[in-house]
Amino acid sequence: MGFLAFLLLGLIAGAIAKAILPGKQAGGWIATLLLGVVGAMLGGWLGGMIFGVDLQGFFSISTWLLAIGGSLIVLLIYGLITGRSRQA
């Protein structure tokens, strides 16, 4: 998968993850892109470690599920970190 396709995948996966999570998350499109790309990388790494699946192609369903799952994990962690820092 090319670099631009990976960025597009991360942006869309991050936006879907933000739509799935309840509540209001901080960050705009740049934060969504960064968290989505990090989430896609995390999802690909976890998928390779646990299930033996890798980020194959842009239109592969396993690629999208791993990227969205990784983005959900990253957004949850990001929400915990930023939620605590605002209260302090």
C-alpha atoms as a PDB file:
ATOM      1  CA  MET A   1       0.000   0.000   0.000  1.00  0.00           C
ATOM      2  CA  GLY A   2       1.365   3.406  -0.904  1.00  0.00           C
ATOM      3  CA  PHE A   3       2.020   6.259   1.482  1.00  0.00           C
ATOM      4  CA  LEU A   4      -0.949   8.381   0.337  1.00  0.00           C
ATOM      5  CA  ALA A   5      -3.282   5.380   0.495  1.00  0.00           C
ATOM      6  CA  PHE A   6      -2.067   4.701   4.038  1.00  0.00           C
ATOM      7  CA  LEU A   7      -2.761   8.336   5.023  1.00  0.00           C
ATOM      8  CA  LEU A   8      -6.240   8.161   3.485  1.00  0.00           C
ATOM      9  CA  LEU A   9      -6.900   4.875   5.277  1.00  0.00           C
ATOM     10  CA  GLY A  10      -5.773   6.433   8.567  1.00  0.00           C
ATOM     11  CA  LEU A  11      -7.961   9.509   8.092  1.00  0.00           C
ATOM     12  CA  ILE A  12     -11.055   7.473   7.300  1.00  0.00           C
ATOM     13  CA  ALA A  13     -10.369   4.903  10.044  1.00  0.00           C
ATOM     14  CA  GLY A  14      -9.845   7.713  12.570  1.00  0.00           C
ATOM     15  CA  ALA A  15     -13.092   9.417  11.512  1.00  0.00           C
ATOM     16  CA  ILE A  16     -15.020   6.139  11.792  1.00  0.00           C
ATOM     17  CA  ALA A  17     -13.477   5.479  15.208  1.00  0.00           C
ATOM     18  CA  LYS A  18     -14.500   8.974  16.376  1.00  0.00           C
ATOM     19  CA  ALA A  19     -18.040   8.317  15.138  1.00  0.00           C
ATOM     20  CA  ILE A  20     -18.202   4.971  16.971  1.00  0.00           C
ATOM     21  CA  LEU A  21     -16.946   6.258  20.332  1.00  0.00           C
ATOM     22  CA  PRO A  22     -19.565   7.990  22.456  1.00  0.00           C
ATOM     23  CA  GLY A  23     -18.993  11.498  23.718  1.00  0.00           C
ATOM     24  CA  LYS A  24     -16.999  14.363  22.341  1.00  0.00           C
ATOM     25  CA  GLN A  25     -13.331  13.789  21.546  1.00  0.00           C
ATOM     26  CA  ALA A  26     -10.842  16.611  21.311  1.00  0.00           C
ATOM     27  CA  GLY A  27      -8.918  17.341  18.149  1.00  0.00           C
ATOM     28  CA  GLY A  28      -9.713  18.309  14.595  1.00  0.00           C
ATOM     29  CA  TRP A  29      -8.912  16.665  11.272  1.00  0.00           C
ATOM     30  CA  ILE A  30      -5.151  16.812  11.769  1.00  0.00           C
ATOM     31  CA  ALA A  31      -5.449  15.015  15.114  1.00  0.00           C
ATOM     32  CA  THR A  32      -7.848  12.530  13.504  1.00  0.00           C
ATOM     33  CA  LEU A  33      -5.351  11.865  10.713  1.00  0.00           C
ATOM     34  CA  LEU A  34      -2.455  11.380  13.106  1.00  0.00           C
ATOM     35  CA  LEU A  35      -4.407   9.195  15.519  1.00  0.00           C
ATOM     36  CA  GLY A  36      -5.884   7.219  12.624  1.00  0.00           C
ATOM     37  CA  VAL A  37      -2.466   6.544  11.086  1.00  0.00           C
ATOM     38  CA  VAL A  38      -1.057   5.545  14.473  1.00  0.00           C
ATOM     39  CA  GLY A  39      -4.144   3.393  15.017  1.00  0.00           C
ATOM     40  CA  ALA A  40      -3.771   1.747  11.612  1.00  0.00           C
ATOM     41  CA  MET A  41      -0.152   0.954  12.399  1.00  0.00           C
ATOM     42  CA  LEU A  42      -1.118  -0.389  15.830  1.00  0.00           C
ATOM     43  CA  GLY A  43      -3.950  -2.436  14.328  1.00  0.00           C
ATOM     44  CA  GLY A  44      -1.637  -3.882  11.674  1.00  0.00           C
ATOM     45  CA  TRP A  45       0.962  -4.755  14.280  1.00  0.00           C
ATOM     46  CA  LEU A  46      -1.579  -6.365  16.632  1.00  0.00           C
ATOM     47  CA  GLY A  47      -3.231  -8.180  13.740  1.00  0.00           C
ATOM     48  CA  GLY A  48       0.112  -9.598  12.683  1.00  0.00           C
ATOM     49  CA  MET A  49       1.011 -10.642  16.227  1.00  0.00           C
ATOM     50  CA  ILE A  50      -2.324 -12.115  17.281  1.00  0.00           C
ATOM     51  CA  PHE A  51      -4.074 -13.281  14.095  1.00  0.00           C
ATOM     52  CA  GLY A  52      -1.225 -13.532  11.604  1.00  0.00           C
ATOM     53  CA  VAL A  53      -2.961 -10.939   9.391  1.00  0.00           C
ATOM     54  CA  ASP A  54      -1.148  -7.953   7.909  1.00  0.00           C
ATOM     55  CA  LEU A  55      -2.265  -4.732   6.246  1.00  0.00           C
ATOM     56  CA  GLN A  56      -2.523  -6.132   2.715  1.00  0.00           C
ATOM     57  CA  GLY A  57      -4.309  -3.773   0.363  1.00  0.00           C
ATOM     58  CA  PHE A  58      -6.457  -0.693   0.528  1.00  0.00           C
ATOM     59  CA  PHE A  59      -9.684  -2.522  -0.360  1.00  0.00           C
ATOM     60  CA  SER A  60      -9.157  -5.517   1.938  1.00  0.00           C
ATOM     61  CA  ILE A  61     -11.787  -5.849   4.656  1.00  0.00           C
ATOM     62  CA  SER A  62      -9.208  -7.136   7.130  1.00  0.00           C
ATOM     63  CA  THR A  63      -7.117  -4.013   6.545  1.00  0.00           C
ATOM     64  CA  TRP A  64     -10.068  -1.767   7.333  1.00  0.00           C
ATOM     65  CA  LEU A  65     -11.145  -3.720  10.406  1.00  0.00           C
ATOM     66  CA  LEU A  66      -7.614  -3.732  11.813  1.00  0.00           C
ATOM     67  CA  ALA A  67      -7.176  -0.007  11.102  1.00  0.00           C
ATOM     68  CA  ILE A  68     -10.507   0.928  12.697  1.00  0.00           C
ATOM     69  CA  GLY A  69      -9.862  -1.328  15.702  1.00  0.00           C
ATOM     70  CA  GLY A  70      -6.415   0.160  16.193  1.00  0.00           C
ATOM     71  CA  SER A  71      -7.840   3.675  15.853  1.00  0.00           C
ATOM     72  CA  LEU A  72     -10.445   2.914  18.510  1.00  0.00           C
ATOM     73  CA  ILE A  73      -7.706   1.779  20.890  1.00  0.00           C
ATOM     74  CA  VAL A  74      -5.593   4.872  20.199  1.00  0.00           C
ATOM     75  CA  LEU A  75      -8.588   7.216  20.594  1.00  0.00           C
ATOM     76  CA  LEU A  76      -9.518   5.613  23.905  1.00  0.00           C
ATOM     77  CA  ILE A  77      -5.982   6.050  25.201  1.00  0.00           C
ATOM     78  CA  TYR A  78      -5.833   9.618  23.845  1.00  0.00           C
ATOM     79  CA  GLY A  79      -9.153  10.410  25.551  1.00  0.00           C
ATOM     80  CA  LEU A  80      -7.889   9.092  28.862  1.00  0.00           C
ATOM     81  CA  ILE A  81      -4.710  11.144  28.614  1.00  0.00           C
ATOM     82  CA  THR A  82      -6.346  14.414  27.554  1.00  0.00           C
ATOM     83  CA  GLY A  83      -9.295  13.971  29.912  1.00  0.00           C
ATOM     84  CA  ARG A  84      -7.018  13.776  32.928  1.00  0.00           C
ATOM     85  CA  SER A  85      -4.878  16.726  31.905  1.00  0.00           C
ATOM     86  CA  ARG A  86      -7.901  19.021  31.555  1.00  0.00           C
ATOM     87  CA  GLN A  87      -9.163  18.266  35.065  1.00  0.00           C
ATOM     88  CA  ALA A  88      -5.836  19.004  36.729  1.00  0.00           C
END
